[in-house]
Amino acid sequence: MAKLYFYYSAMNAGKTTTLLQSAYNYRERGMRTLILTPQLDDRYGKGVVASRIGLRADGHVFGREDDLQAIVGEDIAARGALHCVLVDEAQFLTRAQVWQLGEVVDALRVPVLCYGLRTDFRGELFEGSQYLLAWADELTEIKTICQSGAKATMVVRVDAEGRAVTDGPQVQIGGNERYVSVSRAEFKKIVAGEARIQPAAPA
């Protein structure tokens, strides 16, 4: 039976790597997939889904106003049976789009695997993550580690000196040079100005 899955984590836990591996596994078995990627994340080029370890694949770009159920339906009409939809950076989905993905599962009977962050640099839920947590059939945390050795559950946005950036737009695309995954305890210290954390150099 088709289900809506949400795989969530802090940054650098391997979400995109896991997505690309899942897509490969389907294709290896002769099954067709559709990868959806948000328009605002063009770090690797328009429509390119890429992991830090070098895996990449082409995805279908969508904007905030797009109807994802319609996109999937059109893909099936044009190319035939679809066995899985995979969504990268799923935190950027809108409430309506999460509902549409639920319809892909319930009406079209196609499994949907979503991969994304749970919270932003302020510790607040992203819109897409909020509704995936509420409506997904299955929730799975992909774990990663804080510099302290504890499990990293949060993301802090930092400046070049490793100080927390606590205001600004929720969405500001960036990688290791701007965001660091930390435990809740470290997040509190860094946001309070009691500690710094050095971001990685841009790749």
N, C-alpha and C. Protein backbone atom coordinates (compact mmCIF):
# COMPACT_ATOMS: atom_id res chain seq x y z
N MET A 1 0.83 -1.19 0.00
CA MET A 1 0.00 0.00 0.00
C MET A 1 0.88 1.25 0.00
N ALA A 2 0.54 2.23 -0.83
CA ALA A 2 1.33 3.46 -0.93
C ALA A 2 1.22 4.27 0.37
N LYS A 3 2.31 4.93 0.73
CA LYS A 3 2.34 5.76 1.94
C LYS A 3 3.08 7.06 1.66
N LEU A 4 2.83 8.03 2.53
CA LEU A 4 3.58 9.29 2.54
C LEU A 4 4.61 9.21 3.65
N TYR A 5 5.88 9.29 3.28
CA TYR A 5 6.98 9.17 4.23
C TYR A 5 7.67 10.52 4.39
N PHE A 6 8.12 10.81 5.63
CA PHE A 6 8.94 11.99 5.86
C PHE A 6 10.20 11.57 6.59
N TYR A 7 11.34 11.76 5.92
CA TYR A 7 12.66 11.51 6.49
C TYR A 7 13.26 12.87 6.85
N TYR A 8 13.45 13.14 8.13
CA TYR A 8 13.88 14.46 8.56
C TYR A 8 15.17 14.38 9.37
N SER A 9 15.87 15.51 9.40
CA SER A 9 17.10 15.56 10.18
C SER A 9 17.58 17.00 10.26
N ALA A 10 18.70 17.18 10.94
CA ALA A 10 19.46 18.43 10.85
C ALA A 10 20.26 18.37 9.55
N MET A 11 21.05 19.41 9.28
CA MET A 11 21.84 19.42 8.05
C MET A 11 22.98 18.40 8.11
N ASN A 12 23.41 17.98 6.91
CA ASN A 12 24.57 17.11 6.76
C ASN A 12 24.40 15.74 7.40
N ALA A 13 23.16 15.25 7.37
CA ALA A 13 22.90 13.90 7.88
C ALA A 13 22.81 12.88 6.75
N GLY A 14 22.87 13.36 5.51
CA GLY A 14 22.82 12.45 4.38
C GLY A 14 21.43 12.27 3.78
N LYS A 15 20.56 13.26 3.95
CA LYS A 15 19.19 13.15 3.42
C LYS A 15 19.19 12.98 1.89
N THR A 16 19.93 13.85 1.20
CA THR A 16 19.92 13.78 -0.26
C THR A 16 20.62 12.52 -0.75
N THR A 17 21.66 12.09 -0.07
CA THR A 17 22.32 10.84 -0.42
C THR A 17 21.33 9.68 -0.31
N THR A 18 20.54 9.68 0.75
CA THR A 18 19.55 8.62 0.95
C THR A 18 18.48 8.68 -0.13
N LEU A 19 18.05 9.89 -0.48
CA LEU A 19 17.07 10.05 -1.56
C LEU A 19 17.60 9.47 -2.86
N LEU A 20 18.82 9.83 -3.22
CA LEU A 20 19.40 9.38 -4.48
C LEU A 20 19.63 7.87 -4.48
N GLN A 21 19.98 7.32 -3.33
CA GLN A 21 20.14 5.87 -3.23
C GLN A 21 18.80 5.17 -3.41
N SER A 22 17.75 5.75 -2.82
CA SER A 22 16.41 5.17 -2.99
C SER A 22 15.98 5.20 -4.45
N ALA A 23 16.21 6.33 -5.13
CA ALA A 23 15.87 6.43 -6.55
C ALA A 23 16.63 5.40 -7.36
N TYR A 24 17.90 5.21 -7.05
CA TYR A 24 18.71 4.22 -7.75
C TYR A 24 18.17 2.81 -7.54
N ASN A 25 17.78 2.51 -6.30
CA ASN A 25 17.25 1.18 -6.00
C ASN A 25 16.00 0.88 -6.81
N TYR A 26 15.13 1.86 -6.95
CA TYR A 26 13.92 1.67 -7.77
C TYR A 26 14.30 1.42 -9.23
N ARG A 27 15.17 2.27 -9.75
CA ARG A 27 15.56 2.13 -11.17
C ARG A 27 16.25 0.80 -11.44
N GLU A 28 17.05 0.34 -10.49
CA GLU A 28 17.75 -0.92 -10.64
C GLU A 28 16.78 -2.09 -10.81
N ARG A 29 15.60 -1.93 -10.26
CA ARG A 29 14.57 -2.96 -10.35
C ARG A 29 13.60 -2.71 -11.50
N GLY A 30 13.97 -1.79 -12.40
CA GLY A 30 13.13 -1.50 -13.55
C GLY A 30 11.90 -0.68 -13.24
N MET A 31 11.93 0.06 -12.14
CA MET A 31 10.78 0.85 -11.70
C MET A 31 11.09 2.33 -11.91
N ARG A 32 10.09 3.08 -12.31
CA ARG A 32 10.29 4.49 -12.67
C ARG A 32 10.00 5.41 -11.48
N THR A 33 10.83 6.43 -11.32
CA THR A 33 10.67 7.39 -10.24
C THR A 33 10.59 8.81 -10.80
N LEU A 34 10.09 9.71 -9.98
CA LEU A 34 10.09 11.15 -10.28
C LEU A 34 10.66 11.87 -9.07
N ILE A 35 11.75 12.62 -9.29
CA ILE A 35 12.35 13.42 -8.22
C ILE A 35 11.87 14.86 -8.36
N LEU A 36 11.33 15.41 -7.29
CA LEU A 36 10.89 16.80 -7.26
C LEU A 36 11.86 17.61 -6.43
N THR A 37 12.23 18.79 -6.92
CA THR A 37 13.19 19.64 -6.21
C THR A 37 12.70 21.09 -6.26
N PRO A 38 12.77 21.82 -5.14
CA PRO A 38 12.24 23.19 -5.11
C PRO A 38 13.04 24.16 -5.96
N GLN A 39 12.33 25.07 -6.58
CA GLN A 39 12.92 26.05 -7.48
C GLN A 39 13.98 26.92 -6.80
N LEU A 40 13.78 27.22 -5.53
CA LEU A 40 14.67 28.16 -4.86
C LEU A 40 16.02 27.56 -4.50
N ASP A 41 16.15 26.23 -4.57
CA ASP A 41 17.45 25.61 -4.26
C ASP A 41 18.16 25.24 -5.56
N ASP A 42 18.98 26.17 -6.05
CA ASP A 42 19.70 25.94 -7.31
C ASP A 42 21.21 25.93 -7.10
N ARG A 43 21.64 25.48 -5.92
CA ARG A 43 23.07 25.48 -5.60
C ARG A 43 23.89 24.68 -6.59
N TYR A 44 23.33 23.62 -7.14
CA TYR A 44 24.07 22.74 -8.05
C TYR A 44 23.60 22.88 -9.50
N GLY A 45 22.78 23.89 -9.76
CA GLY A 45 22.21 24.07 -11.08
C GLY A 45 20.72 23.79 -11.05
N LYS A 46 19.99 24.40 -11.96
CA LYS A 46 18.55 24.25 -11.99
C LYS A 46 18.14 22.80 -12.21
N GLY A 47 17.35 22.28 -11.29
CA GLY A 47 16.84 20.93 -11.43
C GLY A 47 17.82 19.83 -11.08
N VAL A 48 18.99 20.18 -10.56
CA VAL A 48 19.99 19.17 -10.21
C VAL A 48 19.91 18.89 -8.71
N VAL A 49 19.73 17.62 -8.37
CA VAL A 49 19.73 17.19 -6.98
C VAL A 49 21.07 16.51 -6.74
N ALA A 50 21.85 17.05 -5.80
CA ALA A 50 23.21 16.56 -5.58
C ALA A 50 23.50 16.42 -4.10
N SER A 51 24.29 15.41 -3.77
CA SER A 51 24.69 15.19 -2.39
C SER A 51 26.13 15.66 -2.19
N ARG A 52 26.53 15.80 -0.94
CA ARG A 52 27.89 16.24 -0.63
C ARG A 52 28.95 15.25 -1.06
N ILE A 53 28.57 13.98 -1.22
CA ILE A 53 29.57 12.96 -1.57
C ILE A 53 29.66 12.74 -3.08
N GLY A 54 28.96 13.57 -3.86
CA GLY A 54 29.13 13.53 -5.30
C GLY A 54 28.04 12.85 -6.11
N LEU A 55 27.05 12.25 -5.46
CA LEU A 55 25.94 11.66 -6.19
C LEU A 55 25.04 12.77 -6.71
N ARG A 56 24.44 12.57 -7.90
CA ARG A 56 23.54 13.58 -8.42
C ARG A 56 22.56 12.97 -9.40
N ALA A 57 21.45 13.66 -9.58
CA ALA A 57 20.42 13.23 -10.53
C ALA A 57 19.61 14.46 -10.92
N ASP A 58 18.93 14.35 -12.04
CA ASP A 58 18.06 15.43 -12.49
C ASP A 58 16.70 15.31 -11.81
N GLY A 59 16.15 16.46 -11.44
CA GLY A 59 14.84 16.49 -10.82
C GLY A 59 13.90 17.43 -11.55
N HIS A 60 12.63 17.30 -11.26
CA HIS A 60 11.62 18.22 -11.81
C HIS A 60 11.47 19.39 -10.84
N VAL A 61 11.72 20.59 -11.33
CA VAL A 61 11.68 21.79 -10.49
C VAL A 61 10.23 22.23 -10.26
N PHE A 62 9.93 22.59 -9.01
CA PHE A 62 8.59 23.12 -8.70
C PHE A 62 8.71 24.40 -7.89
N GLY A 63 7.72 25.27 -8.07
CA GLY A 63 7.62 26.50 -7.30
C GLY A 63 6.53 26.39 -6.26
N ARG A 64 6.41 27.41 -5.43
CA ARG A 64 5.46 27.38 -4.33
C ARG A 64 4.00 27.37 -4.81
N GLU A 65 3.76 27.83 -6.02
CA GLU A 65 2.39 27.87 -6.52
C GLU A 65 2.01 26.63 -7.31
N ASP A 66 2.95 25.74 -7.55
CA ASP A 66 2.68 24.57 -8.39
C ASP A 66 1.84 23.52 -7.65
N ASP A 67 1.00 22.84 -8.41
CA ASP A 67 0.18 21.75 -7.90
C ASP A 67 0.94 20.45 -8.13
N LEU A 68 1.43 19.85 -7.07
CA LEU A 68 2.28 18.67 -7.21
C LEU A 68 1.49 17.44 -7.63
N GLN A 69 0.24 17.36 -7.23
CA GLN A 69 -0.59 16.25 -7.70
C GLN A 69 -0.76 16.33 -9.22
N ALA A 70 -0.96 17.54 -9.73
CA ALA A 70 -1.11 17.72 -11.17
C ALA A 70 0.18 17.38 -11.90
N ILE A 71 1.33 17.78 -11.34
CA ILE A 71 2.62 17.47 -11.96
C ILE A 71 2.81 15.95 -12.05
N VAL A 72 2.50 15.25 -10.97
CA VAL A 72 2.65 13.80 -10.97
C VAL A 72 1.68 13.16 -11.96
N GLY A 73 0.43 13.65 -11.98
CA GLY A 73 -0.55 13.11 -12.91
C GLY A 73 -0.14 13.30 -14.36
N GLU A 74 0.41 14.47 -14.67
CA GLU A 74 0.87 14.75 -16.03
C GLU A 74 2.06 13.86 -16.40
N ASP A 75 2.94 13.61 -15.44
CA ASP A 75 4.08 12.74 -15.69
C ASP A 75 3.62 11.32 -16.00
N ILE A 76 2.64 10.84 -15.26
CA ILE A 76 2.12 9.49 -15.50
C ILE A 76 1.45 9.42 -16.87
N ALA A 77 0.68 10.45 -17.21
CA ALA A 77 0.00 10.47 -18.52
C ALA A 77 0.99 10.48 -19.67
N ALA A 78 2.11 11.17 -19.48
CA ALA A 78 3.10 11.30 -20.56
C ALA A 78 4.06 10.12 -20.64
N ARG A 79 4.39 9.52 -19.49
CA ARG A 79 5.48 8.54 -19.48
C ARG A 79 5.09 7.17 -18.96
N GLY A 80 3.88 7.01 -18.49
CA GLY A 80 3.44 5.70 -18.02
C GLY A 80 3.57 5.54 -16.52
N ALA A 81 3.40 4.32 -16.07
CA ALA A 81 3.34 4.01 -14.63
C ALA A 81 4.52 4.59 -13.87
N LEU A 82 4.21 5.12 -12.69
CA LEU A 82 5.21 5.72 -11.82
C LEU A 82 5.20 4.95 -10.51
N HIS A 83 6.37 4.58 -10.04
CA HIS A 83 6.44 3.70 -8.86
C HIS A 83 6.81 4.44 -7.58
N CYS A 84 7.36 5.65 -7.70
CA CYS A 84 7.72 6.40 -6.49
C CYS A 84 7.99 7.86 -6.84
N VAL A 85 7.55 8.76 -5.96
CA VAL A 85 7.89 10.18 -6.04
C VAL A 85 8.82 10.48 -4.87
N LEU A 86 9.94 11.16 -5.14
CA LEU A 86 10.89 11.54 -4.11
C LEU A 86 11.02 13.05 -4.10
N VAL A 87 10.94 13.66 -2.92
CA VAL A 87 10.96 15.11 -2.80
C VAL A 87 12.18 15.54 -1.99
N ASP A 88 13.06 16.32 -2.63
CA ASP A 88 14.24 16.85 -1.95
C ASP A 88 13.91 18.19 -1.31
N GLU A 89 14.59 18.51 -0.19
CA GLU A 89 14.39 19.78 0.52
C GLU A 89 12.90 20.01 0.80
N ALA A 90 12.26 18.99 1.36
CA ALA A 90 10.80 19.00 1.55
C ALA A 90 10.34 20.05 2.55
N GLN A 91 11.26 20.62 3.33
CA GLN A 91 10.85 21.68 4.26
C GLN A 91 10.29 22.88 3.53
N PHE A 92 10.62 23.04 2.24
CA PHE A 92 10.17 24.19 1.47
C PHE A 92 8.79 23.99 0.83
N LEU A 93 8.17 22.85 1.05
CA LEU A 93 6.81 22.64 0.57
C LEU A 93 5.85 23.58 1.30
N THR A 94 4.76 23.92 0.64
CA THR A 94 3.68 24.65 1.31
C THR A 94 2.71 23.66 1.93
N ARG A 95 1.84 24.17 2.78
CA ARG A 95 0.79 23.32 3.36
C ARG A 95 -0.02 22.65 2.26
N ALA A 96 -0.41 23.43 1.24
CA ALA A 96 -1.21 22.90 0.15
C ALA A 96 -0.46 21.79 -0.59
N GLN A 97 0.84 21.96 -0.77
CA GLN A 97 1.61 20.96 -1.50
C GLN A 97 1.76 19.66 -0.72
N VAL A 98 1.87 19.74 0.60
CA VAL A 98 1.89 18.52 1.40
C VAL A 98 0.57 17.78 1.25
N TRP A 99 -0.53 18.52 1.24
CA TRP A 99 -1.85 17.90 1.03
C TRP A 99 -1.91 17.24 -0.35
N GLN A 100 -1.37 17.93 -1.35
CA GLN A 100 -1.35 17.37 -2.72
C GLN A 100 -0.54 16.08 -2.78
N LEU A 101 0.56 16.02 -2.06
CA LEU A 101 1.35 14.79 -2.03
C LEU A 101 0.58 13.67 -1.34
N GLY A 102 -0.21 14.03 -0.35
CA GLY A 102 -1.10 13.04 0.26
C GLY A 102 -2.09 12.49 -0.75
N GLU A 103 -2.56 13.34 -1.66
CA GLU A 103 -3.47 12.90 -2.71
C GLU A 103 -2.76 12.01 -3.74
N VAL A 104 -1.48 12.28 -3.99
CA VAL A 104 -0.70 11.40 -4.86
C VAL A 104 -0.71 9.98 -4.28
N VAL A 105 -0.55 9.89 -2.97
CA VAL A 105 -0.56 8.59 -2.29
C VAL A 105 -1.96 7.98 -2.30
N ASP A 106 -2.97 8.75 -1.88
CA ASP A 106 -4.30 8.20 -1.65
C ASP A 106 -5.11 8.00 -2.92
N ALA A 107 -4.98 8.94 -3.88
CA ALA A 107 -5.78 8.85 -5.10
C ALA A 107 -5.03 8.17 -6.24
N LEU A 108 -3.73 8.45 -6.35
CA LEU A 108 -2.95 7.88 -7.45
C LEU A 108 -2.23 6.60 -7.06
N ARG A 109 -2.19 6.31 -5.77
CA ARG A 109 -1.56 5.09 -5.25
C ARG A 109 -0.07 5.01 -5.55
N VAL A 110 0.59 6.16 -5.47
CA VAL A 110 2.03 6.22 -5.69
C VAL A 110 2.71 6.61 -4.36
N PRO A 111 3.67 5.83 -3.88
CA PRO A 111 4.39 6.21 -2.65
C PRO A 111 5.14 7.52 -2.84
N VAL A 112 5.19 8.33 -1.79
CA VAL A 112 5.91 9.60 -1.81
C VAL A 112 6.89 9.61 -0.65
N LEU A 113 8.17 9.81 -0.97
CA LEU A 113 9.23 9.87 0.03
C LEU A 113 9.76 11.30 0.07
N CYS A 114 9.58 11.97 1.21
CA CYS A 114 10.02 13.36 1.38
C CYS A 114 11.22 13.40 2.31
N TYR A 115 12.20 14.23 1.95
CA TYR A 115 13.43 14.37 2.74
C TYR A 115 13.66 15.85 3.02
N GLY A 116 13.82 16.20 4.30
CA GLY A 116 14.02 17.61 4.59
C GLY A 116 14.41 17.89 6.03
N LEU A 117 14.67 19.16 6.28
CA LEU A 117 14.95 19.64 7.63
C LEU A 117 13.66 19.72 8.43
N ARG A 118 13.78 19.56 9.72
CA ARG A 118 12.61 19.73 10.59
C ARG A 118 12.46 21.20 11.00
N THR A 119 13.55 21.82 11.44
CA THR A 119 13.46 23.19 11.96
C THR A 119 14.46 24.10 11.28
N ASP A 120 14.20 25.41 11.38
CA ASP A 120 15.07 26.42 10.79
C ASP A 120 16.12 26.88 11.80
N PHE A 121 16.87 27.94 11.44
CA PHE A 121 17.97 28.41 12.29
C PHE A 121 17.49 29.05 13.59
N ARG A 122 16.19 29.28 13.70
CA ARG A 122 15.64 29.82 14.94
C ARG A 122 15.03 28.74 15.82
N GLY A 123 15.07 27.49 15.33
CA GLY A 123 14.45 26.40 16.06
C GLY A 123 12.96 26.28 15.79
N GLU A 124 12.47 26.96 14.76
CA GLU A 124 11.04 26.93 14.41
C GLU A 124 10.82 25.95 13.25
N LEU A 125 9.65 25.32 13.24
CA LEU A 125 9.32 24.40 12.16
C LEU A 125 9.17 25.15 10.84
N PHE A 126 9.69 24.55 9.77
CA PHE A 126 9.36 25.01 8.44
C PHE A 126 7.91 24.62 8.14
N GLU A 127 7.29 25.35 7.21
CA GLU A 127 5.89 25.05 6.86
C GLU A 127 5.75 23.62 6.34
N GLY A 128 6.59 23.24 5.41
CA GLY A 128 6.49 21.90 4.85
C GLY A 128 6.69 20.82 5.90
N SER A 129 7.68 21.02 6.75
CA SER A 129 7.97 20.05 7.80
C SER A 129 6.82 19.93 8.80
N GLN A 130 6.22 21.06 9.12
CA GLN A 130 5.10 21.07 10.07
C GLN A 130 3.99 20.14 9.60
N TYR A 131 3.63 20.26 8.33
CA TYR A 131 2.51 19.48 7.84
C TYR A 131 2.90 18.05 7.48
N LEU A 132 4.14 17.83 7.12
CA LEU A 132 4.59 16.46 6.95
C LEU A 132 4.60 15.73 8.29
N LEU A 133 5.05 16.40 9.34
CA LEU A 133 5.01 15.78 10.67
C LEU A 133 3.57 15.47 11.09
N ALA A 134 2.65 16.31 10.65
CA ALA A 134 1.25 16.12 11.02
C ALA A 134 0.56 15.05 10.18
N TRP A 135 0.90 14.96 8.90
CA TRP A 135 0.10 14.16 7.96
C TRP A 135 0.80 12.94 7.38
N ALA A 136 2.11 12.81 7.51
CA ALA A 136 2.80 11.66 6.91
C ALA A 136 2.38 10.36 7.60
N ASP A 137 2.39 9.29 6.83
CA ASP A 137 2.08 7.97 7.38
C ASP A 137 3.23 7.43 8.22
N GLU A 138 4.45 7.74 7.79
CA GLU A 138 5.62 7.26 8.52
C GLU A 138 6.66 8.36 8.65
N LEU A 139 7.22 8.50 9.85
CA LEU A 139 8.25 9.50 10.15
C LEU A 139 9.54 8.79 10.54
N THR A 140 10.64 9.20 9.93
CA THR A 140 11.94 8.60 10.24
C THR A 140 12.98 9.69 10.41
N GLU A 141 13.68 9.66 11.53
CA GLU A 141 14.77 10.61 11.74
C GLU A 141 16.07 10.04 11.18
N ILE A 142 16.77 10.84 10.38
CA ILE A 142 18.11 10.49 9.90
C ILE A 142 19.08 11.23 10.82
N LYS A 143 19.90 10.49 11.51
CA LYS A 143 20.69 11.09 12.60
C LYS A 143 22.05 11.59 12.11
N THR A 144 22.51 12.64 12.78
CA THR A 144 23.86 13.13 12.59
C THR A 144 24.38 13.63 13.94
N ILE A 145 25.66 14.02 13.98
CA ILE A 145 26.33 14.28 15.25
C ILE A 145 26.78 15.74 15.37
N CYS A 146 26.59 16.28 16.55
CA CYS A 146 27.08 17.62 16.91
C CYS A 146 28.57 17.55 17.22
N GLN A 147 29.25 18.69 17.17
CA GLN A 147 30.67 18.73 17.54
C GLN A 147 30.90 18.27 18.97
N SER A 148 29.86 18.35 19.81
CA SER A 148 29.98 17.93 21.21
C SER A 148 29.94 16.41 21.35
N GLY A 149 29.57 15.71 20.28
CA GLY A 149 29.43 14.26 20.34
C GLY A 149 28.01 13.81 20.58
N ALA A 150 27.13 14.75 20.94
CA ALA A 150 25.72 14.42 21.13
C ALA A 150 25.01 14.40 19.78
N LYS A 151 23.81 13.85 19.76
CA LYS A 151 23.04 13.85 18.52
C LYS A 151 22.67 15.28 18.15
N ALA A 152 22.88 15.64 16.89
CA ALA A 152 22.51 16.97 16.40
C ALA A 152 21.05 16.95 15.98
N THR A 153 20.26 17.84 16.54
CA THR A 153 18.84 17.91 16.22
C THR A 153 18.43 19.27 15.68
N MET A 154 19.34 20.24 15.72
CA MET A 154 19.00 21.61 15.36
C MET A 154 20.05 22.18 14.41
N VAL A 155 19.71 23.29 13.77
CA VAL A 155 20.61 23.95 12.83
C VAL A 155 20.78 25.40 13.27
N VAL A 156 22.02 25.85 13.32
CA VAL A 156 22.29 27.24 13.65
C VAL A 156 22.90 27.92 12.44
N ARG A 157 22.44 29.14 12.15
CA ARG A 157 23.03 29.95 11.09
C ARG A 157 24.10 30.83 11.72
N VAL A 158 25.29 30.81 11.12
CA VAL A 158 26.40 31.53 11.73
C VAL A 158 27.05 32.47 10.73
N ASP A 159 27.76 33.47 11.28
CA ASP A 159 28.53 34.37 10.42
C ASP A 159 29.95 33.82 10.27
N ALA A 160 30.81 34.57 9.62
CA ALA A 160 32.17 34.09 9.33
C ALA A 160 33.00 33.88 10.59
N GLU A 161 32.61 34.52 11.70
CA GLU A 161 33.34 34.37 12.96
C GLU A 161 32.75 33.29 13.85
N GLY A 162 31.71 32.60 13.36
CA GLY A 162 31.12 31.53 14.15
C GLY A 162 30.08 31.98 15.16
N ARG A 163 29.63 33.24 15.04
CA ARG A 163 28.58 33.74 15.93
C ARG A 163 27.21 33.45 15.32
N ALA A 164 26.24 33.17 16.18
CA ALA A 164 24.89 32.87 15.70
C ALA A 164 24.25 34.08 15.04
N VAL A 165 23.59 33.84 13.93
CA VAL A 165 22.74 34.85 13.28
C VAL A 165 21.32 34.51 13.69
N THR A 166 20.67 35.44 14.38
CA THR A 166 19.37 35.12 14.98
C THR A 166 18.20 35.84 14.32
N ASP A 167 18.47 36.66 13.29
CA ASP A 167 17.36 37.27 12.56
C ASP A 167 17.64 37.20 11.07
N GLY A 168 16.67 37.60 10.29
CA GLY A 168 16.78 37.49 8.85
C GLY A 168 15.72 36.56 8.31
N PRO A 169 15.66 36.40 6.99
CA PRO A 169 14.63 35.56 6.38
C PRO A 169 14.80 34.10 6.78
N GLN A 170 13.67 33.38 6.88
CA GLN A 170 13.74 31.96 7.24
C GLN A 170 14.52 31.17 6.20
N VAL A 171 14.29 31.49 4.92
CA VAL A 171 14.95 30.76 3.84
C VAL A 171 16.11 31.59 3.31
N GLN A 172 17.30 31.05 3.48
CA GLN A 172 18.51 31.66 2.95
C GLN A 172 19.42 30.50 2.56
N ILE A 173 19.43 30.18 1.27
CA ILE A 173 20.10 28.98 0.80
C ILE A 173 21.59 29.04 1.09
N GLY A 174 22.10 27.96 1.62
CA GLY A 174 23.53 27.90 1.92
C GLY A 174 23.90 26.50 2.38
N GLY A 175 25.19 26.30 2.57
CA GLY A 175 25.68 25.00 2.99
C GLY A 175 26.52 25.11 4.24
N ASN A 176 27.62 24.35 4.27
CA ASN A 176 28.45 24.28 5.47
C ASN A 176 29.11 25.60 5.84
N GLU A 177 29.18 26.53 4.89
CA GLU A 177 29.81 27.82 5.20
C GLU A 177 28.87 28.74 5.97
N ARG A 178 27.60 28.36 6.09
CA ARG A 178 26.60 29.22 6.71
C ARG A 178 25.81 28.54 7.82
N TYR A 179 25.67 27.23 7.74
CA TYR A 179 24.85 26.50 8.70
C TYR A 179 25.65 25.37 9.34
N VAL A 180 25.37 25.12 10.62
CA VAL A 180 26.02 24.03 11.34
C VAL A 180 24.96 23.28 12.13
N SER A 181 25.02 21.95 12.08
CA SER A 181 24.10 21.12 12.86
C SER A 181 24.66 20.92 14.25
N VAL A 182 23.80 21.14 15.24
CA VAL A 182 24.23 21.06 16.64
C VAL A 182 23.14 20.41 17.50
N SER A 183 23.52 20.02 18.70
CA SER A 183 22.55 19.52 19.68
C SER A 183 21.74 20.70 20.22
N ARG A 184 20.66 20.40 20.89
CA ARG A 184 19.85 21.46 21.48
C ARG A 184 20.66 22.26 22.50
N ALA A 185 21.47 21.56 23.31
CA ALA A 185 22.28 22.25 24.33
C ALA A 185 23.26 23.22 23.69
N GLU A 186 23.95 22.78 22.62
CA GLU A 186 24.89 23.67 21.93
C GLU A 186 24.16 24.82 21.25
N PHE A 187 22.99 24.54 20.68
CA PHE A 187 22.18 25.58 20.04
C PHE A 187 21.90 26.71 21.04
N LYS A 188 21.50 26.34 22.24
CA LYS A 188 21.20 27.34 23.27
C LYS A 188 22.43 28.20 23.58
N LYS A 189 23.57 27.56 23.72
CA LYS A 189 24.80 28.30 24.06
C LYS A 189 25.20 29.25 22.94
N ILE A 190 25.13 28.77 21.71
CA ILE A 190 25.57 29.58 20.57
C ILE A 190 24.62 30.75 20.35
N VAL A 191 23.32 30.50 20.43
CA VAL A 191 22.34 31.57 20.24
C VAL A 191 22.43 32.61 21.36
N ALA A 192 22.76 32.16 22.56
CA ALA A 192 22.91 33.07 23.70
C ALA A 192 24.22 33.84 23.66
N GLY A 193 25.10 33.52 22.71
CA GLY A 193 26.39 34.19 22.62
C GLY A 193 27.43 33.65 23.57
N GLU A 194 27.16 32.50 24.19
CA GLU A 194 28.09 31.91 25.15
C GLU A 194 29.13 31.03 24.48
N ALA A 195 28.94 30.75 23.20
CA ALA A 195 29.88 29.91 22.46
C ALA A 195 29.82 30.28 20.99
N ARG A 196 30.86 29.91 20.30
CA ARG A 196 30.89 30.06 18.83
C ARG A 196 31.15 28.70 18.21
N ILE A 197 30.82 28.59 16.95
CA ILE A 197 31.10 27.37 16.21
C ILE A 197 31.57 27.77 14.82
N GLN A 198 32.72 27.30 14.44
CA GLN A 198 33.30 27.73 13.17
C GLN A 198 32.65 26.98 12.00
N PRO A 199 32.09 27.71 11.05
CA PRO A 199 31.52 27.03 9.87
C PRO A 199 32.62 26.44 9.01
N ALA A 200 32.27 25.46 8.23
CA ALA A 200 33.25 24.86 7.31
C ALA A 200 33.50 25.80 6.14
N ALA A 201 34.64 25.67 5.53
CA ALA A 201 34.94 26.46 4.34
C ALA A 201 34.07 26.00 3.18
N PRO A 202 33.65 26.91 2.28
CA PRO A 202 32.85 26.49 1.14
C PRO A 202 33.59 25.43 0.33
N ALA A 203 32.78 24.45 -0.18
CA ALA A 203 33.38 23.37 -0.97
C ALA A 203 33.85 23.92 -2.32
